[in-house]
Amino acid sequence: MNSKKKVILVEDHAVTRVGVKHVVNSSDDFEVVGEAEESSQIGPLLSKTNPDFVLLDLRVPGENVLNMIKDWKKEYPNLKVVTLTMLDEQPVVHSAIEAGVDGYLLKSDDLSSLTKNLNEILNGKTVYSKNLKLSFNRKPTDGKVANKKEKQILLLLGHGKTYQEIGDEIGLSKRTVEYHVGRLKDRFNAKTVAELIGRAKENMLI
């Protein structure tokens, strides 16, 4: 008999962890081998357990977990990362897909289908929550999606860098950085840089 596939559960709400863990451990195919409540705990858990899956809530304390996924996958090429979150906003979903998630599931989904979804992902399919279909078909109302260069600028702004410092770091002139920031402010309907950073964080872009 094949051994069960190992799952790490990243979730900062204990009640949710208990429920998801019960569903996973009740299956014949999967078992939870580690739990993390904040982003800093994930790396050591990966190293300790070498899991097949990370079940990931996107809003846990610490660093933005979407920025960590590429590094996890580089170190553990067979790792599958699946979100289990309440966030169904299109910019967040887009950022997660760009980060390399293998599935995007919502906490509002029927939990009884969770292990079925994990098996589908194991077989090479990318699985999205059925409740996301409306979001994908709906025309975006705010256009809050950033390209790679804009994300770099947003991230460096969030670190308190000046326009000149950002330009020096990513190879742009100060004026070009100002232009990009102006466009981003318009797109996010932000009057100040602080407001822009706040909106970007809300949409998991940084």
N, C-alpha and C. Protein backbone atom coordinates (compact mmCIF):
# COMPACT_ATOMS: atom_id res chain seq x y z
N MET A 1 0.84 -1.20 0.00
CA MET A 1 0.00 0.00 0.00
C MET A 1 0.87 1.25 0.00
N ASN A 2 0.56 2.21 -0.86
CA ASN A 2 1.34 3.44 -0.92
C ASN A 2 1.17 4.25 0.36
N SER A 3 2.26 4.90 0.79
CA SER A 3 2.15 5.76 1.97
C SER A 3 1.38 7.01 1.61
N LYS A 4 0.81 7.62 2.61
CA LYS A 4 0.02 8.83 2.39
C LYS A 4 0.91 10.00 1.98
N LYS A 5 0.36 10.87 1.15
CA LYS A 5 1.06 12.08 0.75
C LYS A 5 1.07 13.06 1.91
N LYS A 6 2.20 13.72 2.10
CA LYS A 6 2.38 14.60 3.26
C LYS A 6 1.93 16.03 2.96
N VAL A 7 1.20 16.59 3.90
CA VAL A 7 0.63 17.94 3.74
C VAL A 7 1.06 18.82 4.91
N ILE A 8 1.51 20.04 4.58
CA ILE A 8 1.72 21.08 5.59
C ILE A 8 0.54 22.04 5.52
N LEU A 9 0.01 22.39 6.65
CA LEU A 9 -1.15 23.27 6.73
C LEU A 9 -0.71 24.62 7.29
N VAL A 10 -0.86 25.67 6.48
CA VAL A 10 -0.49 27.03 6.90
C VAL A 10 -1.77 27.82 7.12
N GLU A 11 -2.08 28.08 8.37
CA GLU A 11 -3.35 28.71 8.74
C GLU A 11 -3.23 29.26 10.15
N ASP A 12 -3.59 30.53 10.34
CA ASP A 12 -3.40 31.12 11.67
C ASP A 12 -4.62 31.01 12.57
N HIS A 13 -5.72 30.46 12.05
CA HIS A 13 -6.91 30.27 12.89
C HIS A 13 -7.02 28.82 13.33
N ALA A 14 -6.93 28.60 14.63
CA ALA A 14 -6.88 27.23 15.17
C ALA A 14 -8.11 26.41 14.80
N VAL A 15 -9.28 27.02 14.84
CA VAL A 15 -10.52 26.28 14.54
C VAL A 15 -10.50 25.78 13.09
N THR A 16 -10.07 26.63 12.18
CA THR A 16 -9.97 26.23 10.77
C THR A 16 -8.96 25.10 10.61
N ARG A 17 -7.81 25.23 11.29
CA ARG A 17 -6.78 24.18 11.20
C ARG A 17 -7.32 22.83 11.63
N VAL A 18 -8.06 22.83 12.73
CA VAL A 18 -8.61 21.57 13.25
C VAL A 18 -9.54 20.93 12.22
N GLY A 19 -10.42 21.75 11.62
CA GLY A 19 -11.38 21.23 10.64
C GLY A 19 -10.71 20.70 9.40
N VAL A 20 -9.76 21.45 8.86
CA VAL A 20 -9.07 21.02 7.64
C VAL A 20 -8.22 19.79 7.92
N LYS A 21 -7.55 19.79 9.06
CA LYS A 21 -6.71 18.64 9.43
C LYS A 21 -7.54 17.37 9.54
N HIS A 22 -8.72 17.49 10.11
CA HIS A 22 -9.60 16.33 10.24
C HIS A 22 -9.98 15.77 8.87
N VAL A 23 -10.33 16.65 7.95
CA VAL A 23 -10.72 16.21 6.60
C VAL A 23 -9.54 15.52 5.91
N VAL A 24 -8.37 16.14 5.99
CA VAL A 24 -7.19 15.58 5.32
C VAL A 24 -6.81 14.23 5.92
N ASN A 25 -6.75 14.18 7.24
CA ASN A 25 -6.30 12.94 7.91
C ASN A 25 -7.33 11.82 7.83
N SER A 26 -8.58 12.15 7.52
CA SER A 26 -9.61 11.12 7.39
C SER A 26 -9.54 10.42 6.04
N SER A 27 -8.75 10.97 5.12
CA SER A 27 -8.66 10.37 3.78
C SER A 27 -7.64 9.24 3.78
N ASP A 28 -7.71 8.41 2.74
CA ASP A 28 -6.76 7.31 2.59
C ASP A 28 -5.45 7.77 1.96
N ASP A 29 -5.44 9.00 1.40
CA ASP A 29 -4.32 9.41 0.55
C ASP A 29 -3.42 10.48 1.14
N PHE A 30 -3.91 11.20 2.15
CA PHE A 30 -3.15 12.36 2.63
C PHE A 30 -3.11 12.40 4.15
N GLU A 31 -2.06 13.04 4.67
CA GLU A 31 -1.99 13.29 6.12
C GLU A 31 -1.25 14.59 6.38
N VAL A 32 -1.71 15.33 7.40
CA VAL A 32 -1.05 16.57 7.80
C VAL A 32 0.15 16.21 8.67
N VAL A 33 1.34 16.65 8.22
CA VAL A 33 2.57 16.32 8.94
C VAL A 33 3.18 17.54 9.63
N GLY A 34 2.56 18.71 9.41
CA GLY A 34 3.07 19.92 10.05
C GLY A 34 2.08 21.05 9.92
N GLU A 35 2.14 21.98 10.88
CA GLU A 35 1.24 23.13 10.88
C GLU A 35 2.03 24.40 11.16
N ALA A 36 1.69 25.46 10.44
CA ALA A 36 2.34 26.76 10.64
C ALA A 36 1.27 27.83 10.82
N GLU A 37 1.53 28.76 11.73
CA GLU A 37 0.59 29.85 11.98
C GLU A 37 1.08 31.16 11.39
N GLU A 38 2.35 31.22 10.99
CA GLU A 38 2.88 32.43 10.38
C GLU A 38 3.94 32.06 9.37
N SER A 39 4.27 33.00 8.49
CA SER A 39 5.12 32.67 7.34
C SER A 39 6.52 32.21 7.74
N SER A 40 7.05 32.74 8.85
CA SER A 40 8.42 32.40 9.25
C SER A 40 8.56 30.93 9.65
N GLN A 41 7.45 30.27 9.95
CA GLN A 41 7.51 28.87 10.38
C GLN A 41 7.51 27.90 9.19
N ILE A 42 7.21 28.40 8.00
CA ILE A 42 7.02 27.50 6.85
C ILE A 42 8.33 26.87 6.39
N GLY A 43 9.37 27.70 6.24
CA GLY A 43 10.66 27.21 5.76
C GLY A 43 11.20 26.06 6.59
N PRO A 44 11.30 26.21 7.92
CA PRO A 44 11.78 25.10 8.76
C PRO A 44 10.90 23.84 8.64
N LEU A 45 9.59 24.04 8.48
CA LEU A 45 8.69 22.88 8.33
C LEU A 45 8.95 22.14 7.02
N LEU A 46 9.18 22.90 5.96
CA LEU A 46 9.48 22.27 4.66
C LEU A 46 10.75 21.43 4.77
N SER A 47 11.75 22.01 5.41
CA SER A 47 13.03 21.31 5.56
C SER A 47 12.88 20.05 6.42
N LYS A 48 12.07 20.14 7.45
CA LYS A 48 11.91 19.03 8.39
C LYS A 48 11.07 17.90 7.81
N THR A 49 10.02 18.23 7.06
CA THR A 49 9.04 17.21 6.65
C THR A 49 9.10 16.84 5.17
N ASN A 50 9.71 17.72 4.33
CA ASN A 50 9.74 17.49 2.88
C ASN A 50 8.38 17.03 2.35
N PRO A 51 7.36 17.90 2.46
CA PRO A 51 6.00 17.49 2.14
C PRO A 51 5.72 17.44 0.64
N ASP A 52 4.57 16.85 0.31
CA ASP A 52 4.10 16.84 -1.08
C ASP A 52 3.24 18.07 -1.37
N PHE A 53 2.57 18.57 -0.34
CA PHE A 53 1.65 19.70 -0.49
C PHE A 53 1.85 20.74 0.61
N VAL A 54 1.65 22.00 0.24
CA VAL A 54 1.42 23.06 1.23
C VAL A 54 0.02 23.59 1.00
N LEU A 55 -0.82 23.49 2.01
CA LEU A 55 -2.16 24.09 1.97
C LEU A 55 -2.04 25.45 2.64
N LEU A 56 -2.29 26.51 1.87
CA LEU A 56 -1.82 27.83 2.25
C LEU A 56 -2.94 28.86 2.37
N ASP A 57 -3.11 29.38 3.59
CA ASP A 57 -3.94 30.58 3.74
C ASP A 57 -3.06 31.78 3.38
N LEU A 58 -3.56 32.70 2.58
CA LEU A 58 -2.73 33.80 2.09
C LEU A 58 -2.53 34.90 3.12
N ARG A 59 -3.43 35.01 4.08
CA ARG A 59 -3.33 36.08 5.06
C ARG A 59 -2.88 35.51 6.40
N VAL A 60 -1.60 35.16 6.49
CA VAL A 60 -1.03 34.75 7.77
C VAL A 60 -0.01 35.80 8.19
N PRO A 61 0.26 35.93 9.48
CA PRO A 61 1.22 36.94 9.94
C PRO A 61 2.61 36.72 9.33
N GLY A 62 3.30 37.84 9.08
CA GLY A 62 4.65 37.76 8.54
C GLY A 62 4.71 38.20 7.09
N GLU A 63 5.76 37.76 6.41
CA GLU A 63 5.99 38.14 5.01
C GLU A 63 4.86 37.63 4.12
N ASN A 64 4.60 38.36 3.04
CA ASN A 64 3.61 37.93 2.04
C ASN A 64 4.03 36.56 1.48
N VAL A 65 3.20 35.55 1.73
CA VAL A 65 3.58 34.18 1.35
C VAL A 65 3.68 34.00 -0.17
N LEU A 66 2.98 34.83 -0.93
CA LEU A 66 3.06 34.71 -2.39
C LEU A 66 4.48 34.99 -2.88
N ASN A 67 5.21 35.81 -2.15
CA ASN A 67 6.59 36.12 -2.53
C ASN A 67 7.55 34.98 -2.20
N MET A 68 7.08 33.97 -1.47
CA MET A 68 7.94 32.88 -1.02
C MET A 68 7.80 31.62 -1.88
N ILE A 69 6.72 31.55 -2.66
CA ILE A 69 6.38 30.31 -3.36
C ILE A 69 7.45 29.88 -4.35
N LYS A 70 7.96 30.82 -5.14
CA LYS A 70 8.98 30.46 -6.15
C LYS A 70 10.21 29.85 -5.50
N ASP A 71 10.62 30.38 -4.34
CA ASP A 71 11.79 29.83 -3.63
C ASP A 71 11.50 28.42 -3.13
N TRP A 72 10.29 28.21 -2.60
CA TRP A 72 9.93 26.85 -2.14
C TRP A 72 10.02 25.86 -3.30
N LYS A 73 9.46 26.26 -4.43
CA LYS A 73 9.40 25.34 -5.57
C LYS A 73 10.79 25.09 -6.17
N LYS A 74 11.65 26.09 -6.06
CA LYS A 74 13.02 25.92 -6.54
C LYS A 74 13.74 24.87 -5.69
N GLU A 75 13.51 24.94 -4.38
CA GLU A 75 14.19 24.03 -3.45
C GLU A 75 13.52 22.66 -3.42
N TYR A 76 12.21 22.63 -3.62
CA TYR A 76 11.45 21.38 -3.59
C TYR A 76 10.64 21.28 -4.88
N PRO A 77 11.25 20.83 -5.97
CA PRO A 77 10.63 20.88 -7.30
C PRO A 77 9.31 20.12 -7.42
N ASN A 78 9.09 19.13 -6.58
CA ASN A 78 7.86 18.34 -6.67
C ASN A 78 6.75 18.87 -5.76
N LEU A 79 7.05 19.92 -5.03
CA LEU A 79 6.08 20.47 -4.07
C LEU A 79 4.89 21.09 -4.80
N LYS A 80 3.69 20.79 -4.31
CA LYS A 80 2.46 21.40 -4.81
C LYS A 80 1.96 22.41 -3.78
N VAL A 81 1.70 23.62 -4.23
CA VAL A 81 1.21 24.67 -3.33
C VAL A 81 -0.23 25.01 -3.70
N VAL A 82 -1.11 24.87 -2.73
CA VAL A 82 -2.54 25.07 -2.97
C VAL A 82 -3.08 26.07 -1.95
N THR A 83 -3.71 27.13 -2.42
CA THR A 83 -4.29 28.09 -1.49
C THR A 83 -5.60 27.54 -0.92
N LEU A 84 -5.84 27.89 0.32
CA LEU A 84 -7.14 27.64 0.95
C LEU A 84 -7.43 28.92 1.72
N THR A 85 -8.18 29.81 1.08
CA THR A 85 -8.28 31.18 1.56
C THR A 85 -9.70 31.72 1.42
N MET A 86 -9.94 32.86 2.03
CA MET A 86 -11.23 33.55 1.85
C MET A 86 -11.15 34.58 0.73
N LEU A 87 -9.95 34.85 0.24
CA LEU A 87 -9.74 35.93 -0.72
C LEU A 87 -10.10 35.49 -2.13
N ASP A 88 -11.16 36.08 -2.68
CA ASP A 88 -11.58 35.70 -4.04
C ASP A 88 -11.48 36.87 -5.02
N GLU A 89 -10.81 37.96 -4.60
CA GLU A 89 -10.67 39.11 -5.48
C GLU A 89 -9.75 38.75 -6.65
N GLN A 90 -10.12 39.19 -7.83
CA GLN A 90 -9.39 38.81 -9.04
C GLN A 90 -7.91 39.20 -9.01
N PRO A 91 -7.53 40.39 -8.52
CA PRO A 91 -6.10 40.70 -8.47
C PRO A 91 -5.31 39.73 -7.60
N VAL A 92 -5.92 39.29 -6.49
CA VAL A 92 -5.23 38.35 -5.60
C VAL A 92 -5.06 37.00 -6.29
N VAL A 93 -6.13 36.54 -6.94
CA VAL A 93 -6.07 35.27 -7.67
C VAL A 93 -5.00 35.34 -8.75
N HIS A 94 -4.99 36.45 -9.47
CA HIS A 94 -4.01 36.65 -10.54
C HIS A 94 -2.59 36.59 -9.98
N SER A 95 -2.35 37.25 -8.85
CA SER A 95 -1.02 37.26 -8.23
C SER A 95 -0.62 35.86 -7.78
N ALA A 96 -1.58 35.10 -7.27
CA ALA A 96 -1.28 33.74 -6.81
C ALA A 96 -0.91 32.84 -7.98
N ILE A 97 -1.64 32.98 -9.09
CA ILE A 97 -1.35 32.17 -10.28
C ILE A 97 0.04 32.52 -10.80
N GLU A 98 0.34 33.82 -10.81
CA GLU A 98 1.65 34.27 -11.29
C GLU A 98 2.77 33.75 -10.37
N ALA A 99 2.46 33.62 -9.09
CA ALA A 99 3.46 33.13 -8.13
C ALA A 99 3.72 31.63 -8.29
N GLY A 100 2.77 30.93 -8.94
CA GLY A 100 3.01 29.52 -9.23
C GLY A 100 2.19 28.53 -8.42
N VAL A 101 1.04 28.95 -7.89
CA VAL A 101 0.22 27.99 -7.14
C VAL A 101 -0.33 26.91 -8.07
N ASP A 102 -0.54 25.74 -7.52
CA ASP A 102 -1.05 24.60 -8.29
C ASP A 102 -2.56 24.46 -8.16
N GLY A 103 -3.13 25.22 -7.26
CA GLY A 103 -4.58 25.21 -7.09
C GLY A 103 -4.99 26.40 -6.24
N TYR A 104 -6.20 26.92 -6.50
CA TYR A 104 -6.72 28.05 -5.74
C TYR A 104 -8.09 27.67 -5.22
N LEU A 105 -8.15 27.30 -3.94
CA LEU A 105 -9.40 26.87 -3.32
C LEU A 105 -9.82 27.89 -2.27
N LEU A 106 -11.13 27.96 -2.05
CA LEU A 106 -11.68 28.91 -1.09
C LEU A 106 -12.20 28.20 0.15
N LYS A 107 -12.16 28.90 1.26
CA LYS A 107 -12.68 28.32 2.51
C LYS A 107 -14.19 28.13 2.44
N SER A 108 -14.82 28.84 1.51
CA SER A 108 -16.28 28.70 1.35
C SER A 108 -16.64 27.44 0.55
N ASP A 109 -15.64 26.77 -0.04
CA ASP A 109 -15.91 25.54 -0.78
C ASP A 109 -16.34 24.43 0.16
N ASP A 110 -16.96 23.41 -0.40
CA ASP A 110 -17.31 22.21 0.37
C ASP A 110 -16.02 21.47 0.72
N LEU A 111 -15.69 21.43 2.00
CA LEU A 111 -14.43 20.82 2.43
C LEU A 111 -14.35 19.33 2.09
N SER A 112 -15.50 18.70 1.92
CA SER A 112 -15.49 17.27 1.61
C SER A 112 -14.85 16.97 0.25
N SER A 113 -14.75 18.01 -0.60
CA SER A 113 -14.13 17.80 -1.92
C SER A 113 -12.63 18.11 -1.91
N LEU A 114 -12.09 18.49 -0.74
CA LEU A 114 -10.70 18.93 -0.66
C LEU A 114 -9.73 17.85 -1.13
N THR A 115 -9.86 16.65 -0.60
CA THR A 115 -8.88 15.61 -0.96
C THR A 115 -9.05 15.15 -2.42
N LYS A 116 -10.26 15.25 -2.94
CA LYS A 116 -10.48 14.96 -4.37
C LYS A 116 -9.71 15.98 -5.20
N ASN A 117 -9.77 17.25 -4.80
CA ASN A 117 -9.03 18.30 -5.50
C ASN A 117 -7.52 18.06 -5.41
N LEU A 118 -7.05 17.65 -4.25
CA LEU A 118 -5.62 17.39 -4.08
C LEU A 118 -5.17 16.24 -4.98
N ASN A 119 -6.00 15.24 -5.12
CA ASN A 119 -5.66 14.12 -6.01
C ASN A 119 -5.60 14.57 -7.46
N GLU A 120 -6.51 15.46 -7.85
CA GLU A 120 -6.50 15.98 -9.22
C GLU A 120 -5.22 16.78 -9.47
N ILE A 121 -4.82 17.56 -8.47
CA ILE A 121 -3.58 18.34 -8.59
C ILE A 121 -2.37 17.40 -8.67
N LEU A 122 -2.42 16.35 -7.90
CA LEU A 122 -1.35 15.34 -7.91
C LEU A 122 -1.19 14.73 -9.30
N ASN A 123 -2.30 14.65 -10.02
CA ASN A 123 -2.29 14.07 -11.38
C ASN A 123 -2.01 15.12 -12.45
N GLY A 124 -1.56 16.30 -12.03
CA GLY A 124 -1.11 17.29 -13.00
C GLY A 124 -2.11 18.36 -13.38
N LYS A 125 -3.28 18.34 -12.77
CA LYS A 125 -4.29 19.34 -13.09
C LYS A 125 -4.17 20.54 -12.16
N THR A 126 -4.40 21.74 -12.68
CA THR A 126 -4.51 22.92 -11.84
C THR A 126 -5.98 23.12 -11.51
N VAL A 127 -6.27 23.17 -10.21
CA VAL A 127 -7.67 23.20 -9.77
C VAL A 127 -8.01 24.57 -9.17
N TYR A 128 -9.12 25.13 -9.64
CA TYR A 128 -9.63 26.38 -9.09
C TYR A 128 -11.00 26.13 -8.45
N SER A 129 -11.26 26.85 -7.39
CA SER A 129 -12.56 26.77 -6.75
C SER A 129 -13.68 27.06 -7.75
N LYS A 130 -14.73 26.28 -7.69
CA LYS A 130 -15.89 26.54 -8.56
C LYS A 130 -16.49 27.91 -8.27
N ASN A 131 -16.31 28.37 -7.06
CA ASN A 131 -16.85 29.68 -6.68
C ASN A 131 -16.05 30.84 -7.27
N LEU A 132 -14.91 30.53 -7.91
CA LEU A 132 -14.11 31.58 -8.55
C LEU A 132 -14.56 31.85 -9.97
N LYS A 133 -15.36 30.97 -10.56
CA LYS A 133 -15.70 31.10 -11.98
C LYS A 133 -16.34 32.45 -12.28
N LEU A 134 -17.19 32.90 -11.37
CA LEU A 134 -17.83 34.20 -11.57
C LEU A 134 -16.79 35.31 -11.60
N SER A 135 -15.78 35.18 -10.73
CA SER A 135 -14.73 36.20 -10.69
C SER A 135 -13.95 36.23 -11.99
N PHE A 136 -13.67 35.05 -12.56
CA PHE A 136 -12.90 35.01 -13.79
C PHE A 136 -13.71 35.57 -14.96
N ASN A 137 -15.02 35.34 -14.93
CA ASN A 137 -15.85 35.78 -16.04
C ASN A 137 -16.28 37.24 -15.91
N ARG A 138 -16.18 37.75 -14.71
CA ARG A 138 -16.60 39.12 -14.46
C ARG A 138 -15.53 40.09 -14.95
N LYS A 139 -15.95 41.14 -15.61
CA LYS A 139 -14.98 42.14 -16.07
C LYS A 139 -14.39 42.87 -14.87
N PRO A 140 -13.06 42.96 -14.79
CA PRO A 140 -12.47 43.66 -13.66
C PRO A 140 -12.98 45.10 -13.58
N THR A 141 -13.29 45.53 -12.37
CA THR A 141 -13.84 46.88 -12.21
C THR A 141 -12.77 47.89 -11.85
N ASP A 142 -11.61 47.42 -11.40
CA ASP A 142 -10.63 48.38 -10.93
C ASP A 142 -9.26 48.23 -11.57
N GLY A 143 -9.03 47.17 -12.32
CA GLY A 143 -7.76 47.00 -13.00
C GLY A 143 -6.57 46.90 -12.09
N LYS A 144 -6.77 46.43 -10.86
CA LYS A 144 -5.68 46.42 -9.89
C LYS A 144 -4.77 45.21 -10.08
N VAL A 145 -4.12 45.18 -11.21
CA VAL A 145 -3.14 44.14 -11.51
C VAL A 145 -1.86 44.84 -11.92
N ALA A 146 -0.73 44.39 -11.40
CA ALA A 146 0.54 45.04 -11.69
C ALA A 146 1.44 44.08 -12.46
N ASN A 147 2.21 44.63 -13.41
CA ASN A 147 3.18 43.78 -14.11
C ASN A 147 4.43 43.63 -13.25
N LYS A 148 5.40 42.88 -13.78
CA LYS A 148 6.59 42.55 -12.98
C LYS A 148 7.36 43.80 -12.55
N LYS A 149 7.55 44.73 -13.47
CA LYS A 149 8.29 45.95 -13.15
C LYS A 149 7.55 46.78 -12.11
N GLU A 150 6.24 46.88 -12.26
CA GLU A 150 5.43 47.65 -11.31
C GLU A 150 5.46 47.01 -9.92
N LYS A 151 5.46 45.67 -9.90
CA LYS A 151 5.54 44.98 -8.60
C LYS A 151 6.87 45.27 -7.92
N GLN A 152 7.95 45.31 -8.70
CA GLN A 152 9.26 45.65 -8.14
C GLN A 152 9.23 47.03 -7.51
N ILE A 153 8.63 47.97 -8.23
CA ILE A 153 8.55 49.35 -7.73
C ILE A 153 7.71 49.41 -6.46
N LEU A 154 6.57 48.73 -6.46
CA LEU A 154 5.70 48.72 -5.28
C LEU A 154 6.43 48.12 -4.08
N LEU A 155 7.14 47.04 -4.32
CA LEU A 155 7.85 46.36 -3.23
C LEU A 155 8.92 47.28 -2.63
N LEU A 156 9.68 47.95 -3.50
CA LEU A 156 10.74 48.85 -3.02
C LEU A 156 10.15 50.09 -2.34
N LEU A 157 9.02 50.59 -2.85
CA LEU A 157 8.33 51.69 -2.16
C LEU A 157 7.93 51.24 -0.76
N GLY A 158 7.44 50.01 -0.66
CA GLY A 158 7.04 49.46 0.64
C GLY A 158 8.20 49.35 1.60
N HIS A 159 9.43 49.24 1.06
CA HIS A 159 10.63 49.17 1.89
C HIS A 159 11.17 50.56 2.22
N GLY A 160 10.45 51.60 1.78
CA GLY A 160 10.84 52.96 2.12
C GLY A 160 11.88 53.58 1.21
N LYS A 161 12.09 52.98 0.03
CA LYS A 161 13.09 53.50 -0.90
C LYS A 161 12.58 54.76 -1.60
N THR A 162 13.50 55.65 -1.93
CA THR A 162 13.16 56.85 -2.71
C THR A 162 13.07 56.48 -4.19
N TYR A 163 12.49 57.39 -4.98
CA TYR A 163 12.41 57.14 -6.43
C TYR A 163 13.81 56.92 -7.03
N GLN A 164 14.77 57.73 -6.58
CA GLN A 164 16.14 57.61 -7.11
C GLN A 164 16.74 56.25 -6.74
N GLU A 165 16.55 55.83 -5.49
CA GLU A 165 17.09 54.54 -5.04
C GLU A 165 16.44 53.38 -5.81
N ILE A 166 15.14 53.50 -6.05
CA ILE A 166 14.44 52.46 -6.82
C ILE A 166 15.00 52.40 -8.24
N GLY A 167 15.15 53.57 -8.84
CA GLY A 167 15.69 53.63 -10.20
C GLY A 167 17.07 53.01 -10.29
N ASP A 168 17.94 53.32 -9.32
CA ASP A 168 19.30 52.77 -9.30
C ASP A 168 19.27 51.25 -9.17
N GLU A 169 18.31 50.75 -8.38
CA GLU A 169 18.26 49.31 -8.11
C GLU A 169 17.73 48.50 -9.30
N ILE A 170 16.78 49.05 -10.03
CA ILE A 170 16.16 48.26 -11.12
C ILE A 170 16.50 48.79 -12.52
N GLY A 171 17.41 49.76 -12.57
CA GLY A 171 17.91 50.21 -13.87
C GLY A 171 16.99 51.15 -14.62
N LEU A 172 16.29 52.03 -13.89
CA LEU A 172 15.43 53.02 -14.51
C LEU A 172 15.85 54.42 -14.05
N SER A 173 15.48 55.42 -14.82
CA SER A 173 15.73 56.79 -14.37
C SER A 173 14.71 57.15 -13.29
N LYS A 174 15.05 58.16 -12.50
CA LYS A 174 14.12 58.64 -11.46
C LYS A 174 12.80 59.07 -12.10
N ARG A 175 12.89 59.73 -13.24
CA ARG A 175 11.68 60.24 -13.92
C ARG A 175 10.78 59.08 -14.36
N THR A 176 11.39 57.98 -14.84
CA THR A 176 10.61 56.82 -15.27
C THR A 176 9.90 56.17 -14.08
N VAL A 177 10.61 56.11 -12.95
CA VAL A 177 9.99 55.56 -11.73
C VAL A 177 8.80 56.42 -11.33
N GLU A 178 8.97 57.74 -11.38
CA GLU A 178 7.87 58.66 -11.04
C GLU A 178 6.67 58.44 -11.96
N TYR A 179 6.97 58.22 -13.24
CA TYR A 179 5.90 57.96 -14.22
C TYR A 179 5.12 56.69 -13.83
N HIS A 180 5.86 55.60 -13.52
CA HIS A 180 5.21 54.34 -13.15
C HIS A 180 4.38 54.51 -11.87
N VAL A 181 4.93 55.22 -10.91
CA VAL A 181 4.20 55.43 -9.64
C VAL A 181 2.93 56.24 -9.90
N GLY A 182 3.03 57.24 -10.77
CA GLY A 182 1.84 58.03 -11.10
C GLY A 182 0.75 57.19 -11.73
N ARG A 183 1.15 56.31 -12.64
CA ARG A 183 0.18 55.40 -13.28
C ARG A 183 -0.45 54.46 -12.25
N LEU A 184 0.39 53.95 -11.36
CA LEU A 184 -0.11 53.04 -10.33
C LEU A 184 -1.10 53.75 -9.39
N LYS A 185 -0.78 54.99 -9.04
CA LYS A 185 -1.69 55.76 -8.19
C LYS A 185 -3.05 55.92 -8.86
N ASP A 186 -3.03 56.24 -10.16
CA ASP A 186 -4.29 56.38 -10.91
C ASP A 186 -5.06 55.06 -10.91
N ARG A 187 -4.34 53.97 -11.17
CA ARG A 187 -5.00 52.67 -11.30
C ARG A 187 -5.60 52.21 -9.97
N PHE A 188 -4.91 52.53 -8.88
CA PHE A 188 -5.37 52.09 -7.57
C PHE A 188 -6.19 53.16 -6.85
N ASN A 189 -6.43 54.27 -7.56
CA ASN A 189 -7.19 55.38 -6.99
C ASN A 189 -6.59 55.82 -5.66
N ALA A 190 -5.26 56.00 -5.66
CA ALA A 190 -4.53 56.39 -4.45
C ALA A 190 -3.96 57.79 -4.63
N LYS A 191 -4.11 58.62 -3.62
CA LYS A 191 -3.62 60.00 -3.70
C LYS A 191 -2.16 60.11 -3.26
N THR A 192 -1.74 59.23 -2.35
CA THR A 192 -0.38 59.30 -1.82
C THR A 192 0.32 57.95 -2.00
N VAL A 193 1.64 57.97 -1.85
CA VAL A 193 2.41 56.73 -1.93
C VAL A 193 1.98 55.76 -0.81
N ALA A 194 1.77 56.31 0.40
CA ALA A 194 1.35 55.47 1.53
C ALA A 194 0.03 54.76 1.22
N GLU A 195 -0.89 55.50 0.61
CA GLU A 195 -2.18 54.92 0.25
C GLU A 195 -2.00 53.86 -0.84
N LEU A 196 -1.10 54.13 -1.78
CA LEU A 196 -0.81 53.17 -2.85
C LEU A 196 -0.26 51.87 -2.27
N ILE A 197 0.68 51.98 -1.34
CA ILE A 197 1.27 50.79 -0.71
C ILE A 197 0.20 50.00 0.03
N GLY A 198 -0.67 50.72 0.73
CA GLY A 198 -1.77 50.05 1.45
C GLY A 198 -2.68 49.28 0.51
N ARG A 199 -3.03 49.90 -0.62
CA ARG A 199 -3.90 49.23 -1.59
C ARG A 199 -3.20 48.01 -2.20
N ALA A 200 -1.91 48.15 -2.48
CA ALA A 200 -1.14 47.04 -3.05
C ALA A 200 -1.10 45.86 -2.07
N LYS A 201 -0.94 46.16 -0.79
CA LYS A 201 -0.92 45.10 0.23
C LYS A 201 -2.28 44.42 0.34
N GLU A 202 -3.34 45.23 0.26
CA GLU A 202 -4.69 44.65 0.31
C GLU A 202 -4.90 43.64 -0.81
N ASN A 203 -4.29 43.90 -1.96
CA ASN A 203 -4.46 43.04 -3.12
C ASN A 203 -3.35 42.01 -3.28
N MET A 204 -2.56 41.84 -2.20
CA MET A 204 -1.48 40.83 -2.15
C MET A 204 -0.48 40.99 -3.28
N LEU A 205 -0.26 42.22 -3.72
CA LEU A 205 0.72 42.48 -4.77
C LEU A 205 2.12 42.65 -4.17
N ILE A 206 2.18 42.98 -2.88
CA ILE A 206 3.46 43.06 -2.20
C ILE A 206 3.30 42.46 -0.81
